[in-house]
Amino acid sequence: MRPLTSADPAQFRRVMGRFASGVTVITAAAGGETRGMTANAFMSGSLEPPLCVVSVAHRARMHSHIEKAGAFAVNILAAGQEKLAFNFAGRPVAGLEVTFRDFHGVPTIVGASGLITATLSAAHPCGDHTLYVGAITSMSADNQPPLLYHAGKFGALVPLKEAAPEMPAFW
């Protein structure tokens, strides 16, 4: 089999949209400006050392901003925070007030369910995106249920009634 050299954008989004993911807002401060970008292309990178990875399109304003900042935050959104997701996806929400908390020079969003701050450790080209690897400097989380994204729509987690099997230690 040969890899595709191109794909129909609508089909690509439809197929990739079948994967349910959490919703984050990536934030960074550089040159006196705080910026944020909604992203679901986020993942843990490594436990030892603690690393995370975000994927940012070359055309996104956040692309060069992360490089200038040298550090970023991953704000994991909770169910009910759809307005924040829309706002940072380039669809400003009238009357929405976003409160940032500076954490050692990195802006974080007050009220996010989980917060990760990281210094930029590496940048890897990946087609029309760049994978930014962050060396984690701090983490915190609360017990709010997550905001989810699936098939172009926001949703919330509905726990299974059955107890989930215990995960292996390497997870």
Protein backbone atom coordinates (compact mmCIF):
# COMPACT_ATOMS: atom_id res chain seq x y z
CA MET A 1 0.00 0.00 0.00
CA ARG A 2 1.13 3.52 -0.80
CA PRO A 3 0.45 6.48 1.47
CA LEU A 4 -2.01 9.07 0.20
CA THR A 5 -0.38 12.21 -1.15
CA SER A 6 -3.59 14.19 -0.65
CA ALA A 7 -7.09 13.69 0.72
CA ASP A 8 -10.49 15.26 0.22
CA PRO A 9 -10.64 17.77 3.11
CA ALA A 10 -14.31 17.05 3.88
CA GLN A 11 -13.72 13.30 4.05
CA PHE A 12 -10.55 13.77 6.09
CA ARG A 13 -12.45 15.87 8.67
CA ARG A 14 -15.38 13.42 8.72
CA VAL A 15 -13.17 10.37 9.28
CA MET A 16 -10.93 12.08 11.85
CA GLY A 17 -14.05 13.46 13.54
CA ARG A 18 -15.09 9.91 14.41
CA PHE A 19 -12.40 9.98 17.10
CA ALA A 20 -13.84 11.56 20.24
CA SER A 21 -11.42 13.84 22.03
CA GLY A 22 -11.20 16.29 24.86
CA VAL A 23 -11.09 20.02 24.19
CA THR A 24 -8.23 22.28 25.20
CA VAL A 25 -7.26 25.90 24.82
CA ILE A 26 -3.55 26.41 24.27
CA THR A 27 -2.37 29.75 25.69
CA ALA A 28 0.93 31.61 25.48
CA ALA A 29 2.26 35.10 26.10
CA ALA A 30 4.90 36.83 23.97
CA GLY A 31 5.70 40.44 23.18
CA GLY A 32 3.16 41.65 25.73
CA GLU A 33 0.32 39.77 24.01
CA THR A 34 -1.62 36.80 25.36
CA ARG A 35 -3.12 34.50 22.75
CA GLY A 36 -5.19 31.35 22.92
CA MET A 37 -6.24 28.67 20.45
CA THR A 38 -8.80 25.89 20.80
CA ALA A 39 -7.23 22.52 20.07
CA ASN A 40 -8.19 18.89 20.33
CA ALA A 41 -4.86 17.76 18.84
CA PHE A 42 -3.16 17.38 22.21
CA MET A 43 -1.64 14.34 23.88
CA SER A 44 0.71 13.19 26.57
CA GLY A 45 4.16 12.63 25.16
CA SER A 46 6.18 10.94 27.87
CA LEU A 47 6.01 10.11 31.55
CA GLU A 48 9.79 10.22 32.06
CA PRO A 49 10.51 13.01 31.45
CA PRO A 50 7.00 14.52 31.63
CA LEU A 51 6.21 15.82 28.13
CA CYS A 52 3.08 16.85 26.24
CA VAL A 53 2.49 17.48 22.53
CA VAL A 54 0.23 19.95 20.72
CA SER A 55 -0.32 20.17 16.97
CA VAL A 56 -0.66 23.66 15.48
CA ALA A 57 -1.39 24.52 11.84
CA HIS A 58 1.23 26.62 10.08
CA ARG A 59 -1.47 29.14 9.13
CA ALA A 60 -2.64 29.58 12.75
CA ARG A 61 -1.65 32.83 14.46
CA MET A 62 -0.62 30.69 17.43
CA HIS A 63 2.06 28.91 15.37
CA SER A 64 4.74 31.60 15.61
CA HIS A 65 3.41 32.86 18.94
CA ILE A 66 4.34 29.61 20.75
CA GLU A 67 7.84 29.78 19.31
CA LYS A 68 8.26 33.41 20.40
CA ALA A 69 6.86 32.65 23.87
CA GLY A 70 9.03 29.60 24.47
CA ALA A 71 6.37 28.29 26.87
CA PHE A 72 2.67 27.49 26.73
CA ALA A 73 -0.25 26.23 28.78
CA VAL A 74 -2.76 23.53 27.97
CA ASN A 75 -6.11 24.43 29.53
CA ILE A 76 -8.34 21.34 29.57
CA LEU A 77 -11.96 22.46 29.31
CA ALA A 78 -14.84 21.06 31.34
CA ALA A 79 -18.38 20.30 30.23
CA GLY A 80 -20.23 23.61 30.05
CA GLN A 81 -17.22 25.59 28.81
CA GLU A 82 -18.24 25.49 25.15
CA LYS A 83 -18.22 29.30 24.98
CA LEU A 84 -14.51 29.30 25.77
CA ALA A 85 -13.92 26.72 23.04
CA PHE A 86 -15.85 28.78 20.47
CA ASN A 87 -14.16 32.00 21.53
CA PHE A 88 -10.64 30.65 21.09
CA ALA A 89 -11.59 28.86 17.85
CA GLY A 90 -11.98 32.28 16.22
CA ARG A 91 -15.69 32.75 16.89
CA PRO A 92 -15.73 35.47 19.56
CA VAL A 93 -18.55 35.17 22.07
CA ALA A 94 -20.11 38.57 22.87
CA GLY A 95 -19.92 39.40 26.57
CA LEU A 96 -17.60 36.50 27.43
CA GLU A 97 -15.03 37.55 29.98
CA VAL A 98 -11.99 35.31 30.11
CA THR A 99 -9.93 35.49 33.27
CA PHE A 100 -6.28 34.57 32.93
CA ARG A 101 -3.95 33.72 35.79
CA ASP A 102 -0.27 34.22 35.17
CA PHE A 103 1.72 31.19 36.27
CA HIS A 104 5.44 31.99 36.07
CA GLY A 105 4.94 33.97 32.86
CA VAL A 106 2.49 31.53 31.27
CA PRO A 107 -1.19 32.56 31.04
CA THR A 108 -3.70 29.96 32.22
CA ILE A 109 -7.50 30.13 32.09
CA VAL A 110 -9.21 30.35 35.46
CA GLY A 111 -11.88 27.66 35.79
CA ALA A 112 -10.37 25.13 33.38
CA SER A 113 -10.69 21.56 34.60
CA GLY A 114 -7.02 20.77 34.08
CA LEU A 115 -3.96 22.94 33.62
CA ILE A 116 -0.55 22.06 32.26
CA THR A 117 2.27 24.54 31.81
CA ALA A 118 5.29 23.64 29.70
CA THR A 119 8.44 25.09 28.24
CA LEU A 120 8.95 24.51 24.54
CA SER A 121 11.29 21.55 24.22
CA ALA A 122 11.10 20.70 20.49
CA ALA A 123 9.22 21.50 17.30
CA HIS A 124 8.70 18.87 14.61
CA PRO A 125 7.28 19.61 11.15
CA CYS A 126 4.26 17.43 10.39
CA GLY A 127 2.79 18.27 6.97
CA ASP A 128 0.86 21.54 7.25
CA HIS A 129 1.22 21.50 11.06
CA THR A 130 4.01 21.58 13.62
CA LEU A 131 4.10 19.25 16.61
CA TYR A 132 5.25 21.27 19.59
CA VAL A 133 6.70 19.22 22.43
CA GLY A 134 6.50 20.81 25.86
CA ALA A 135 8.55 19.90 28.92
CA ILE A 136 5.91 20.03 31.65
CA THR A 137 6.64 22.49 34.46
CA SER A 138 3.36 22.23 36.41
CA MET A 139 0.06 20.34 36.39
CA SER A 140 -3.24 20.52 38.26
CA ALA A 141 -6.75 19.16 37.82
CA ASP A 142 -10.13 19.17 39.49
CA ASN A 143 -13.06 16.75 39.24
CA GLN A 144 -15.21 18.55 36.66
CA PRO A 145 -16.41 16.26 33.84
CA PRO A 146 -14.63 16.94 30.52
CA LEU A 147 -15.90 18.80 27.49
CA LEU A 148 -15.74 16.38 24.56
CA TYR A 149 -15.67 16.87 20.80
CA HIS A 150 -17.00 14.29 18.34
CA ALA A 151 -18.26 14.47 14.75
CA GLY A 152 -18.15 18.29 14.76
CA LYS A 153 -20.18 18.68 17.97
CA PHE A 154 -19.48 19.22 21.63
CA GLY A 155 -20.64 16.65 24.13
CA ALA A 156 -20.19 15.43 27.67
CA LEU A 157 -19.08 12.16 29.16
CA VAL A 158 -21.74 9.65 30.12
CA PRO A 159 -20.07 7.08 32.38
CA LEU A 160 -20.75 3.40 31.71
CA LYS A 161 -22.83 1.67 34.36
CA GLU A 162 -20.39 -1.21 34.53
CA ALA A 163 -17.14 -0.78 36.39
CA ALA A 164 -14.24 -0.33 33.99
CA PRO A 165 -11.47 -2.92 34.20
CA GLU A 166 -8.31 -1.79 35.93
CA MET A 167 -5.78 -0.30 33.50
CA PRO A 168 -2.31 -1.84 33.23
CA ALA A 169 0.47 -0.04 35.13
CA PHE A 170 2.12 1.13 31.88
CA TRP A 171 -0.90 3.32 31.00
